[in-house]
Amino acid sequence: MRCPCRRVLFGVLIGALALSLSLPDTARPQPAPARPGNADRGRLQFVLVPAGTFVMGSPDTEWGSRNDEQQRQVTLTRPFFLAMYEVTQTQWKAVTGGNPSFLYDCPDCPVENISWLEAVSFCNALSQQLGYPPAYTIRGAVVTLNAGADGFRLPTEAEWEYACRAGTSTVFSTGDCLGTEQANYLGYDPQKGCPKGLWRGQTVDVGGFPPNPWDLHDMHGNVSEWCWDRHGFPGPAAVTDPTGPATGDERVIRGGNWHELGRYCRSAVRHKAAPDQRLSHVGLRLARSVPKEGLQR
């Protein structure tokens, strides 16, 4: 299922960076883009993900399925923007002035070793630089999502899985197997019944692998990504626009990463960590709500 998107690029400088959005097109689906060069990786490029309904979670028969992956129908009533690539070290440094990454000085590698609290602070700082209303009110460790604000934010967990699946219902968006030519993960231990691959032992430049059917790169590998939601154990009831439990001590992390086993790179798998915890395999991918006045901004 291809995402009906085409690229309409406009630039807003963030230091030496440019921001671009991919806006919807009702014409026939377009082919996936070529793998990016260095100039393209430096751009904050976004795809408009359409509203829709999907089955979130994994069936009990899926090898590696865990008890916090209860399947349920989820409806997302509003489209949203999601970044094509994970935030890079260069982009993080341009906004914050520093680089906390464990694999230091790899400009086009994803930033990692950042906490959830640092991720939401980055979102607000970028919004302020570009003149967007901040998505969050941050008072110490208490973070509130500002309703209606269209600044940069973390995706909700449901938005993340919906975009990762990209219309698929298989174990990965690539099918029931994930090759190491398709994602950066620990290929020595792939999904059960799938061929073994290599292990790179570190992050690599973003966008170095083919995108999923909706033109999103590195959803199953490279670094895992912080989401907005607190971790919980969902039930089977259908839900609309979920944002996670109202209370809880840990935040959700989604997606595989460079040192994760195959079963922990599945579309449905969920990770979690305290919001102040930093991990060398966890970074972020930006999201943004569609402005009420439309797609002009």
C-alpha atoms as a PDB file:
ATOM      1  CA  MET A   1       0.000   0.000   0.000  1.00  0.00           C
ATOM      2  CA  ARG A   2       1.767   3.125  -1.209  1.00  0.00           C
ATOM      3  CA  CYS A   3       1.243   6.427   0.568  1.00  0.00           C
ATOM      4  CA  PRO A   4      -0.371   8.899  -1.864  1.00  0.00           C
ATOM      5  CA  CYS A   5       2.332  11.543  -1.448  1.00  0.00           C
ATOM      6  CA  ARG A   6       4.441  13.754  -3.637  1.00  0.00           C
ATOM      7  CA  ARG A   7       7.199  16.108  -2.615  1.00  0.00           C
ATOM      8  CA  VAL A   8       6.463  19.819  -2.526  1.00  0.00           C
ATOM      9  CA  LEU A   9       9.643  21.214  -1.000  1.00  0.00           C
ATOM     10  CA  PHE A  10      10.130  24.560   0.637  1.00  0.00           C
ATOM     11  CA  GLY A  11      13.100  25.552   2.727  1.00  0.00           C
ATOM     12  CA  VAL A  12      13.370  27.170   6.139  1.00  0.00           C
ATOM     13  CA  LEU A  13      16.940  27.442   7.374  1.00  0.00           C
ATOM     14  CA  ILE A  14      17.830  26.022  10.787  1.00  0.00           C
ATOM     15  CA  GLY A  15      21.453  27.043  10.936  1.00  0.00           C
ATOM     16  CA  ALA A  16      22.672  25.174   7.850  1.00  0.00           C
ATOM     17  CA  LEU A  17      19.583  22.970   7.689  1.00  0.00           C
ATOM     18  CA  ALA A  18      16.424  23.180   5.635  1.00  0.00           C
ATOM     19  CA  LEU A  19      12.909  22.017   6.472  1.00  0.00           C
ATOM     20  CA  SER A  20      10.780  20.354   3.814  1.00  0.00           C
ATOM     21  CA  LEU A  21       7.306  18.847   3.765  1.00  0.00           C
ATOM     22  CA  SER A  22       5.784  16.244   1.469  1.00  0.00           C
ATOM     23  CA  LEU A  23       2.201  17.188   0.720  1.00  0.00           C
ATOM     24  CA  PRO A  24      -0.606  14.862  -0.403  1.00  0.00           C
ATOM     25  CA  ASP A  25      -1.441  14.056  -3.968  1.00  0.00           C
ATOM     26  CA  THR A  26      -4.604  12.267  -5.054  1.00  0.00           C
ATOM     27  CA  ALA A  27      -2.920  11.069  -8.226  1.00  0.00           C
ATOM     28  CA  ARG A  28      -1.634   7.535  -8.595  1.00  0.00           C
ATOM     29  CA  PRO A  29       1.036   6.465  -6.074  1.00  0.00           C
ATOM     30  CA  GLN A  30       4.551   7.630  -6.801  1.00  0.00           C
ATOM     31  CA  PRO A  31       7.679   5.442  -6.749  1.00  0.00           C
ATOM     32  CA  ALA A  32       9.900   5.509  -3.683  1.00  0.00           C
ATOM     33  CA  PRO A  33      12.720   8.078  -3.800  1.00  0.00           C
ATOM     34  CA  ALA A  34      16.316   7.226  -4.473  1.00  0.00           C
ATOM     35  CA  ARG A  35      18.504   6.825  -1.422  1.00  0.00           C
ATOM     36  CA  PRO A  36      19.525  10.262  -0.167  1.00  0.00           C
ATOM     37  CA  GLY A  37      22.851  11.922  -0.637  1.00  0.00           C
ATOM     38  CA  ASN A  38      24.460  13.962   2.116  1.00  0.00           C
ATOM     39  CA  ALA A  39      22.594  17.138   1.137  1.00  0.00           C
ATOM     40  CA  ASP A  40      19.221  15.381   1.374  1.00  0.00           C
ATOM     41  CA  ARG A  41      20.023  13.868   4.768  1.00  0.00           C
ATOM     42  CA  GLY A  42      20.636  17.380   6.098  1.00  0.00           C
ATOM     43  CA  ARG A  43      17.067  18.384   5.350  1.00  0.00           C
ATOM     44  CA  LEU A  44      14.249  17.809   7.809  1.00  0.00           C
ATOM     45  CA  GLN A  45      11.890  16.184   5.327  1.00  0.00           C
ATOM     46  CA  PHE A  46       8.359  15.131   6.251  1.00  0.00           C
ATOM     47  CA  VAL A  47       5.701  12.903   4.751  1.00  0.00           C
ATOM     48  CA  LEU A  48       2.017  13.612   5.275  1.00  0.00           C
ATOM     49  CA  VAL A  49       0.552  10.408   6.734  1.00  0.00           C
ATOM     50  CA  PRO A  50      -3.175  10.078   5.986  1.00  0.00           C
ATOM     51  CA  ALA A  51      -5.858   9.398   8.560  1.00  0.00           C
ATOM     52  CA  GLY A  52      -7.006   5.791   8.706  1.00  0.00           C
ATOM     53  CA  THR A  53      -7.812   2.634  10.637  1.00  0.00           C
ATOM     54  CA  PHE A  54      -5.504  -0.318  11.282  1.00  0.00           C
ATOM     55  CA  VAL A  55      -4.978  -3.268  13.601  1.00  0.00           C
ATOM     56  CA  MET A  56      -2.355  -2.379  16.188  1.00  0.00           C
ATOM     57  CA  GLY A  57      -0.356  -5.005  18.069  1.00  0.00           C
ATOM     58  CA  SER A  58       0.522  -8.593  17.209  1.00  0.00           C
ATOM     59  CA  PRO A  59      -1.336 -11.904  17.132  1.00  0.00           C
ATOM     60  CA  ASP A  60      -0.327 -14.544  19.675  1.00  0.00           C
ATOM     61  CA  THR A  61       0.913 -16.677  16.777  1.00  0.00           C
ATOM     62  CA  GLU A  62       3.570 -14.126  15.794  1.00  0.00           C
ATOM     63  CA  TRP A  63       6.955 -15.378  16.958  1.00  0.00           C
ATOM     64  CA  GLY A  64       8.263 -13.017  19.622  1.00  0.00           C
ATOM     65  CA  SER A  65       4.825 -11.604  20.480  1.00  0.00           C
ATOM     66  CA  ARG A  66       4.633 -10.304  24.047  1.00  0.00           C
ATOM     67  CA  ASN A  67       1.804  -9.721  26.508  1.00  0.00           C
ATOM     68  CA  ASP A  68       1.822  -5.937  26.050  1.00  0.00           C
ATOM     69  CA  GLU A  69       1.065  -6.233  22.314  1.00  0.00           C
ATOM     70  CA  GLN A  70      -2.683  -6.961  22.561  1.00  0.00           C
ATOM     71  CA  GLN A  71      -4.276  -6.518  19.146  1.00  0.00           C
ATOM     72  CA  ARG A  72      -7.034  -3.924  18.790  1.00  0.00           C
ATOM     73  CA  GLN A  73      -8.503  -1.732  16.081  1.00  0.00           C
ATOM     74  CA  VAL A  74      -7.176   1.822  16.128  1.00  0.00           C
ATOM     75  CA  THR A  75      -8.584   4.757  14.188  1.00  0.00           C
ATOM     76  CA  LEU A  76      -6.571   7.926  13.617  1.00  0.00           C
ATOM     77  CA  THR A  77      -8.982  10.667  12.586  1.00  0.00           C
ATOM     78  CA  ARG A  78      -6.439  13.301  11.535  1.00  0.00           C
ATOM     79  CA  PRO A  79      -3.505  13.184   9.136  1.00  0.00           C
ATOM     80  CA  PHE A  80      -0.119  14.128  10.552  1.00  0.00           C
ATOM     81  CA  PHE A  81       3.395  14.845   9.390  1.00  0.00           C
ATOM     82  CA  LEU A  82       6.155  12.346  10.193  1.00  0.00           C
ATOM     83  CA  ALA A  83       9.823  12.829   9.396  1.00  0.00           C
ATOM     84  CA  MET A  84      11.280  10.652   6.647  1.00  0.00           C
ATOM     85  CA  TYR A  85      14.479  10.198   8.661  1.00  0.00           C
ATOM     86  CA  GLU A  86      15.528   9.998  12.273  1.00  0.00           C
ATOM     87  CA  VAL A  87      16.987  13.227  13.698  1.00  0.00           C
ATOM     88  CA  THR A  88      20.709  13.290  12.914  1.00  0.00           C
ATOM     89  CA  GLN A  89      23.633  14.383  15.053  1.00  0.00           C
ATOM     90  CA  THR A  90      24.081  17.440  12.817  1.00  0.00           C
ATOM     91  CA  GLN A  91      20.444  18.467  13.235  1.00  0.00           C
ATOM     92  CA  TRP A  92      20.553  17.997  17.005  1.00  0.00           C
ATOM     93  CA  LYS A  93      23.729  20.049  17.288  1.00  0.00           C
ATOM     94  CA  ALA A  94      22.295  22.836  15.108  1.00  0.00           C
ATOM     95  CA  VAL A  95      19.417  23.274  17.567  1.00  0.00           C
ATOM     96  CA  THR A  96      21.058  22.515  20.924  1.00  0.00           C
ATOM     97  CA  GLY A  97      24.724  23.333  20.331  1.00  0.00           C
ATOM     98  CA  GLY A  98      25.854  19.914  21.605  1.00  0.00           C
ATOM     99  CA  ASN A  99      26.035  16.262  20.621  1.00  0.00           C
ATOM    100  CA  PRO A 100      25.400  13.646  23.337  1.00  0.00           C
ATOM    101  CA  SER A 101      25.735  10.642  21.024  1.00  0.00           C
ATOM    102  CA  PHE A 102      27.652   7.542  22.065  1.00  0.00           C
ATOM    103  CA  LEU A 103      28.906   7.189  18.482  1.00  0.00           C
ATOM    104  CA  TYR A 104      30.247  10.725  18.390  1.00  0.00           C
ATOM    105  CA  ASP A 105      31.066  12.797  15.322  1.00  0.00           C
ATOM    106  CA  CYS A 106      29.082  10.897  12.708  1.00  0.00           C
ATOM    107  CA  PRO A 107      27.151  13.864  11.270  1.00  0.00           C
ATOM    108  CA  ASP A 108      24.544  11.908   9.296  1.00  0.00           C
ATOM    109  CA  CYS A 109      24.074   9.145  11.870  1.00  0.00           C
ATOM    110  CA  PRO A 110      21.004   9.430  14.095  1.00  0.00           C
ATOM    111  CA  VAL A 111      21.490  11.217  17.380  1.00  0.00           C
ATOM    112  CA  GLU A 112      21.211   8.831  20.343  1.00  0.00           C
ATOM    113  CA  ASN A 113      21.996   8.666  24.033  1.00  0.00           C
ATOM    114  CA  ILE A 114      19.190  11.164  24.651  1.00  0.00           C
ATOM    115  CA  SER A 115      16.424  10.961  27.238  1.00  0.00           C
ATOM    116  CA  TRP A 116      12.715  11.375  26.582  1.00  0.00           C
ATOM    117  CA  LEU A 117      12.822  14.694  28.448  1.00  0.00           C
ATOM    118  CA  GLU A 118      15.649  15.900  26.205  1.00  0.00           C
ATOM    119  CA  ALA A 119      13.696  14.761  23.132  1.00  0.00           C
ATOM    120  CA  VAL A 120      10.594  16.812  23.998  1.00  0.00           C
ATOM    121  CA  SER A 121      12.798  19.801  24.871  1.00  0.00           C
ATOM    122  CA  PHE A 122      14.435  19.500  21.431  1.00  0.00           C
ATOM    123  CA  CYS A 123      10.992  19.520  19.810  1.00  0.00           C
ATOM    124  CA  ASN A 124      10.098  22.759  21.596  1.00  0.00           C
ATOM    125  CA  ALA A 125      13.435  24.398  20.794  1.00  0.00           C
ATOM    126  CA  LEU A 126      13.054  23.601  17.092  1.00  0.00           C
ATOM    127  CA  SER A 127       9.476  24.899  17.085  1.00  0.00           C
ATOM    128  CA  GLN A 128      10.592  28.166  18.668  1.00  0.00           C
ATOM    129  CA  GLN A 129      13.423  28.589  16.163  1.00  0.00           C
ATOM    130  CA  LEU A 130      10.988  28.229  13.280  1.00  0.00           C
ATOM    131  CA  GLY A 131       8.168  30.269  14.806  1.00  0.00           C
ATOM    132  CA  TYR A 132       5.698  27.453  15.497  1.00  0.00           C
ATOM    133  CA  PRO A 133       3.657  27.222  18.713  1.00  0.00           C
ATOM    134  CA  PRO A 134       5.503  24.740  20.989  1.00  0.00           C
ATOM    135  CA  ALA A 135       3.763  21.385  21.266  1.00  0.00           C
ATOM    136  CA  TYR A 136       4.661  20.996  24.949  1.00  0.00           C
ATOM    137  CA  THR A 137       4.554  22.871  28.212  1.00  0.00           C
ATOM    138  CA  ILE A 138       7.562  21.659  30.213  1.00  0.00           C
ATOM    139  CA  ARG A 139       7.888  22.276  33.933  1.00  0.00           C
ATOM    140  CA  GLY A 140      10.767  20.178  35.168  1.00  0.00           C
ATOM    141  CA  ALA A 141       9.798  16.540  34.689  1.00  0.00           C
ATOM    142  CA  VAL A 142       6.114  17.400  34.111  1.00  0.00           C
ATOM    143  CA  VAL A 143       5.312  17.649  30.403  1.00  0.00           C
ATOM    144  CA  THR A 144       1.882  18.575  29.019  1.00  0.00           C
ATOM    145  CA  LEU A 145       0.837  18.296  25.394  1.00  0.00           C
ATOM    146  CA  ASN A 146      -0.601  21.601  24.199  1.00  0.00           C
ATOM    147  CA  ALA A 147      -3.888  20.848  22.438  1.00  0.00           C
ATOM    148  CA  GLY A 148      -4.079  22.441  19.007  1.00  0.00           C
ATOM    149  CA  ALA A 149      -0.403  23.460  18.853  1.00  0.00           C
ATOM    150  CA  ASP A 150       1.210  22.525  15.542  1.00  0.00           C
ATOM    151  CA  GLY A 151       4.827  22.669  16.628  1.00  0.00           C
ATOM    152  CA  PHE A 152       7.173  19.708  16.396  1.00  0.00           C
ATOM    153  CA  ARG A 153       6.509  16.783  18.708  1.00  0.00           C
ATOM    154  CA  LEU A 154       7.068  13.088  19.225  1.00  0.00           C
ATOM    155  CA  PRO A 155       4.604  10.784  17.467  1.00  0.00           C
ATOM    156  CA  THR A 156       2.088   8.943  19.573  1.00  0.00           C
ATOM    157  CA  GLU A 157       2.686   5.224  19.770  1.00  0.00           C
ATOM    158  CA  ALA A 158      -0.338   4.551  17.553  1.00  0.00           C
ATOM    159  CA  GLU A 159       0.860   7.050  14.944  1.00  0.00           C
ATOM    160  CA  TRP A 160       4.284   5.423  14.973  1.00  0.00           C
ATOM    161  CA  GLU A 161       3.035   1.860  14.412  1.00  0.00           C
ATOM    162  CA  TYR A 162       0.498   2.969  11.800  1.00  0.00           C
ATOM    163  CA  ALA A 163       3.257   4.706   9.847  1.00  0.00           C
ATOM    164  CA  CYS A 164       5.704   1.829  10.357  1.00  0.00           C
ATOM    165  CA  ARG A 165       3.226  -0.727   9.029  1.00  0.00           C
ATOM    166  CA  ALA A 166       2.420   1.524   6.054  1.00  0.00           C
ATOM    167  CA  GLY A 167      -0.641  -0.505   5.127  1.00  0.00           C
ATOM    168  CA  THR A 168       0.931  -3.906   5.846  1.00  0.00           C
ATOM    169  CA  SER A 169      -0.190  -6.517   8.377  1.00  0.00           C
ATOM    170  CA  THR A 170       2.938  -8.690   8.256  1.00  0.00           C
ATOM    171  CA  VAL A 171       5.607  -9.003  10.950  1.00  0.00           C
ATOM    172  CA  PHE A 172       7.635  -6.210   9.340  1.00  0.00           C
ATOM    173  CA  SER A 173       6.699  -3.725   6.637  1.00  0.00           C
ATOM    174  CA  THR A 174       9.084  -5.790   4.483  1.00  0.00           C
ATOM    175  CA  GLY A 175       7.066  -8.989   5.030  1.00  0.00           C
ATOM    176  CA  ASP A 176       7.581 -11.753   7.586  1.00  0.00           C
ATOM    177  CA  CYS A 177      11.375 -11.451   7.386  1.00  0.00           C
ATOM    178  CA  LEU A 178      13.764  -8.510   7.695  1.00  0.00           C
ATOM    179  CA  GLY A 179      17.104  -8.696   5.931  1.00  0.00           C
ATOM    180  CA  THR A 180      20.196  -6.770   6.949  1.00  0.00           C
ATOM    181  CA  GLU A 181      20.169  -5.189   3.507  1.00  0.00           C
ATOM    182  CA  GLN A 182      16.800  -3.712   4.570  1.00  0.00           C
ATOM    183  CA  ALA A 183      17.646  -2.469   8.080  1.00  0.00           C
ATOM    184  CA  ASN A 184      20.530  -2.011  10.519  1.00  0.00           C
ATOM    185  CA  TYR A 185      20.036  -4.580  13.287  1.00  0.00           C
ATOM    186  CA  LEU A 186      21.710  -7.646  14.782  1.00  0.00           C
ATOM    187  CA  GLY A 187      21.319  -9.925  11.795  1.00  0.00           C
ATOM    188  CA  TYR A 188      22.987 -12.905  13.496  1.00  0.00           C
ATOM    189  CA  ASP A 189      19.658 -13.526  15.249  1.00  0.00           C
ATOM    190  CA  PRO A 190      16.842 -12.796  12.755  1.00  0.00           C
ATOM    191  CA  GLN A 191      13.138 -13.506  13.073  1.00  0.00           C
ATOM    192  CA  LYS A 192      12.453 -17.234  13.399  1.00  0.00           C
ATOM    193  CA  GLY A 193      12.613 -19.030  10.064  1.00  0.00           C
ATOM    194  CA  CYS A 194      14.437 -16.151   8.337  1.00  0.00           C
ATOM    195  CA  PRO A 195      18.000 -16.114   6.945  1.00  0.00           C
ATOM    196  CA  LYS A 196      20.850 -14.740   9.019  1.00  0.00           C
ATOM    197  CA  GLY A 197      22.655 -11.546   8.065  1.00  0.00           C
ATOM    198  CA  LEU A 198      25.482  -9.378   9.311  1.00  0.00           C
ATOM    199  CA  TRP A 199      25.869  -7.139  12.341  1.00  0.00           C
ATOM    200  CA  ARG A 200      27.383  -3.693  11.829  1.00  0.00           C
ATOM    201  CA  GLY A 201      27.861  -3.042  15.536  1.00  0.00           C
ATOM    202  CA  GLN A 202      26.955   0.656  15.407  1.00  0.00           C
ATOM    203  CA  THR A 203      24.598   3.213  13.926  1.00  0.00           C
ATOM    204  CA  VAL A 204      24.957   4.176  10.273  1.00  0.00           C
ATOM    205  CA  ASP A 205      23.912   7.202   8.212  1.00  0.00           C
ATOM    206  CA  VAL A 206      20.155   7.720   8.128  1.00  0.00           C
ATOM    207  CA  GLY A 207      18.409   6.802   4.897  1.00  0.00           C
ATOM    208  CA  GLY A 208      20.975   4.211   3.854  1.00  0.00           C
ATOM    209  CA  PHE A 209      18.324   1.508   3.449  1.00  0.00           C
ATOM    210  CA  PRO A 210      15.219   1.430   1.250  1.00  0.00           C
ATOM    211  CA  PRO A 211      12.171   3.220   2.708  1.00  0.00           C
ATOM    212  CA  ASN A 212       8.981   1.476   3.731  1.00  0.00           C
ATOM    213  CA  PRO A 213       5.945   1.728   1.406  1.00  0.00           C
ATOM    214  CA  TRP A 214       5.180   5.217   2.773  1.00  0.00           C
ATOM    215  CA  ASP A 215       8.684   6.592   2.132  1.00  0.00           C
ATOM    216  CA  LEU A 216       9.827   6.410   5.764  1.00  0.00           C
ATOM    217  CA  HIS A 217      13.383   5.211   6.418  1.00  0.00           C
ATOM    218  CA  ASP A 218      14.905   3.193   9.276  1.00  0.00           C
ATOM    219  CA  MET A 219      11.653   2.303  11.056  1.00  0.00           C
ATOM    220  CA  HIS A 220      12.920  -1.234  11.824  1.00  0.00           C
ATOM    221  CA  GLY A 221      16.525  -0.433  12.670  1.00  0.00           C
ATOM    222  CA  ASN A 222      19.407   1.980  13.249  1.00  0.00           C
ATOM    223  CA  VAL A 223      18.028   3.505  16.474  1.00  0.00           C
ATOM    224  CA  SER A 224      14.800   2.946  18.337  1.00  0.00           C
ATOM    225  CA  GLU A 225      12.647   6.045  18.773  1.00  0.00           C
ATOM    226  CA  TRP A 226      10.939   7.747  21.698  1.00  0.00           C
ATOM    227  CA  CYS A 227       7.152   8.136  21.485  1.00  0.00           C
ATOM    228  CA  TRP A 228       4.836  10.371  23.505  1.00  0.00           C
ATOM    229  CA  ASP A 229       2.898   7.681  25.367  1.00  0.00           C
ATOM    230  CA  ARG A 230       3.415   6.224  28.794  1.00  0.00           C
ATOM    231  CA  HIS A 231       3.743   2.452  28.753  1.00  0.00           C
ATOM    232  CA  GLY A 232       0.686   0.369  29.627  1.00  0.00           C
ATOM    233  CA  PHE A 233      -1.083  -2.876  28.793  1.00  0.00           C
ATOM    234  CA  PRO A 234      -3.819  -2.128  26.250  1.00  0.00           C
ATOM    235  CA  GLY A 235      -7.021  -4.120  26.075  1.00  0.00           C
ATOM    236  CA  PRO A 236      -8.757  -5.484  22.962  1.00  0.00           C
ATOM    237  CA  ALA A 237     -11.380  -2.739  22.642  1.00  0.00           C
ATOM    238  CA  ALA A 238     -11.281  -0.521  19.569  1.00  0.00           C
ATOM    239  CA  VAL A 239      -9.946   2.991  20.238  1.00  0.00           C
ATOM    240  CA  THR A 240      -9.790   6.331  18.437  1.00  0.00           C
ATOM    241  CA  ASP A 241      -6.774   8.669  18.545  1.00  0.00           C
ATOM    242  CA  PRO A 242      -5.161   7.028  21.600  1.00  0.00           C
ATOM    243  CA  THR A 243      -2.404   8.873  23.455  1.00  0.00           C
ATOM    244  CA  GLY A 244      -1.565   6.256  26.097  1.00  0.00           C
ATOM    245  CA  PRO A 245      -2.290   5.949  29.837  1.00  0.00           C
ATOM    246  CA  ALA A 246      -2.711   9.096  31.927  1.00  0.00           C
ATOM    247  CA  THR A 247      -0.221   7.863  34.528  1.00  0.00           C
ATOM    248  CA  GLY A 248       2.901   5.724  34.554  1.00  0.00           C
ATOM    249  CA  ASP A 249       6.617   5.909  35.201  1.00  0.00           C
ATOM    250  CA  GLU A 250       7.964   4.804  31.802  1.00  0.00           C
ATOM    251  CA  ARG A 251       7.627   6.113  28.257  1.00  0.00           C
ATOM    252  CA  VAL A 252       7.274   3.984  25.142  1.00  0.00           C
ATOM    253  CA  ILE A 253      10.143   3.412  22.709  1.00  0.00           C
ATOM    254  CA  ARG A 254       9.400   1.983  19.260  1.00  0.00           C
ATOM    255  CA  GLY A 255      11.330   0.394  16.424  1.00  0.00           C
ATOM    256  CA  GLY A 256      14.369  -1.835  16.129  1.00  0.00           C
ATOM    257  CA  ASN A 257      17.947  -0.659  16.443  1.00  0.00           C
ATOM    258  CA  TRP A 258      21.544  -1.500  15.589  1.00  0.00           C
ATOM    259  CA  HIS A 259      22.077  -4.061  18.373  1.00  0.00           C
ATOM    260  CA  GLU A 260      18.553  -5.529  18.612  1.00  0.00           C
ATOM    261  CA  LEU A 261      17.550  -9.082  17.714  1.00  0.00           C
ATOM    262  CA  GLY A 262      15.154  -9.616  14.841  1.00  0.00           C
ATOM    263  CA  ARG A 263      12.131 -10.310  17.039  1.00  0.00           C
ATOM    264  CA  TYR A 264      12.637  -6.945  18.741  1.00  0.00           C
ATOM    265  CA  CYS A 265      12.472  -5.082  15.421  1.00  0.00           C
ATOM    266  CA  ARG A 266       8.905  -6.152  14.561  1.00  0.00           C
ATOM    267  CA  SER A 267       6.277  -3.525  13.713  1.00  0.00           C
ATOM    268  CA  ALA A 268       4.371  -4.318  16.913  1.00  0.00           C
ATOM    269  CA  VAL A 269       7.206  -4.632  19.419  1.00  0.00           C
ATOM    270  CA  ARG A 270       7.259  -2.177  22.311  1.00  0.00           C
ATOM    271  CA  HIS A 271      10.198  -1.036  24.414  1.00  0.00           C
ATOM    272  CA  LYS A 272      10.064   1.248  27.451  1.00  0.00           C
ATOM    273  CA  ALA A 273      12.348   3.324  29.671  1.00  0.00           C
ATOM    274  CA  ALA A 274      12.205   6.010  32.316  1.00  0.00           C
ATOM    275  CA  PRO A 275      11.884   9.495  30.782  1.00  0.00           C
ATOM    276  CA  ASP A 276      15.275  10.577  32.143  1.00  0.00           C
ATOM    277  CA  GLN A 277      17.128   7.476  30.918  1.00  0.00           C
ATOM    278  CA  ARG A 278      19.697   7.734  28.104  1.00  0.00           C
ATOM    279  CA  LEU A 279      20.478   4.763  25.867  1.00  0.00           C
ATOM    280  CA  SER A 280      23.022   4.456  23.055  1.00  0.00           C
ATOM    281  CA  HIS A 281      20.427   2.832  20.803  1.00  0.00           C
ATOM    282  CA  VAL A 282      17.527   5.279  21.288  1.00  0.00           C
ATOM    283  CA  GLY A 283      16.926   8.523  19.377  1.00  0.00           C
ATOM    284  CA  LEU A 284      13.889  10.278  17.947  1.00  0.00           C
ATOM    285  CA  ARG A 285      11.840  10.983  14.845  1.00  0.00           C
ATOM    286  CA  LEU A 286       9.854  14.205  14.606  1.00  0.00           C
ATOM    287  CA  ALA A 287       6.112  14.497  14.078  1.00  0.00           C
ATOM    288  CA  ARG A 288       3.894  17.510  13.610  1.00  0.00           C
ATOM    289  CA  SER A 289       0.118  17.970  13.668  1.00  0.00           C
ATOM    290  CA  VAL A 290      -1.511  19.385  10.562  1.00  0.00           C
ATOM    291  CA  PRO A 291      -2.302  23.068  11.219  1.00  0.00           C
ATOM    292  CA  LYS A 292      -5.998  23.889  11.526  1.00  0.00           C
ATOM    293  CA  GLU A 293      -5.749  26.390   8.703  1.00  0.00           C
ATOM    294  CA  GLY A 294      -4.435  23.751   6.306  1.00  0.00           C
ATOM    295  CA  LEU A 295      -1.095  22.828   4.804  1.00  0.00           C
ATOM    296  CA  GLN A 296       0.303  26.238   3.959  1.00  0.00           C
ATOM    297  CA  ARG A 297       2.660  26.599   6.932  1.00  0.00           C
END
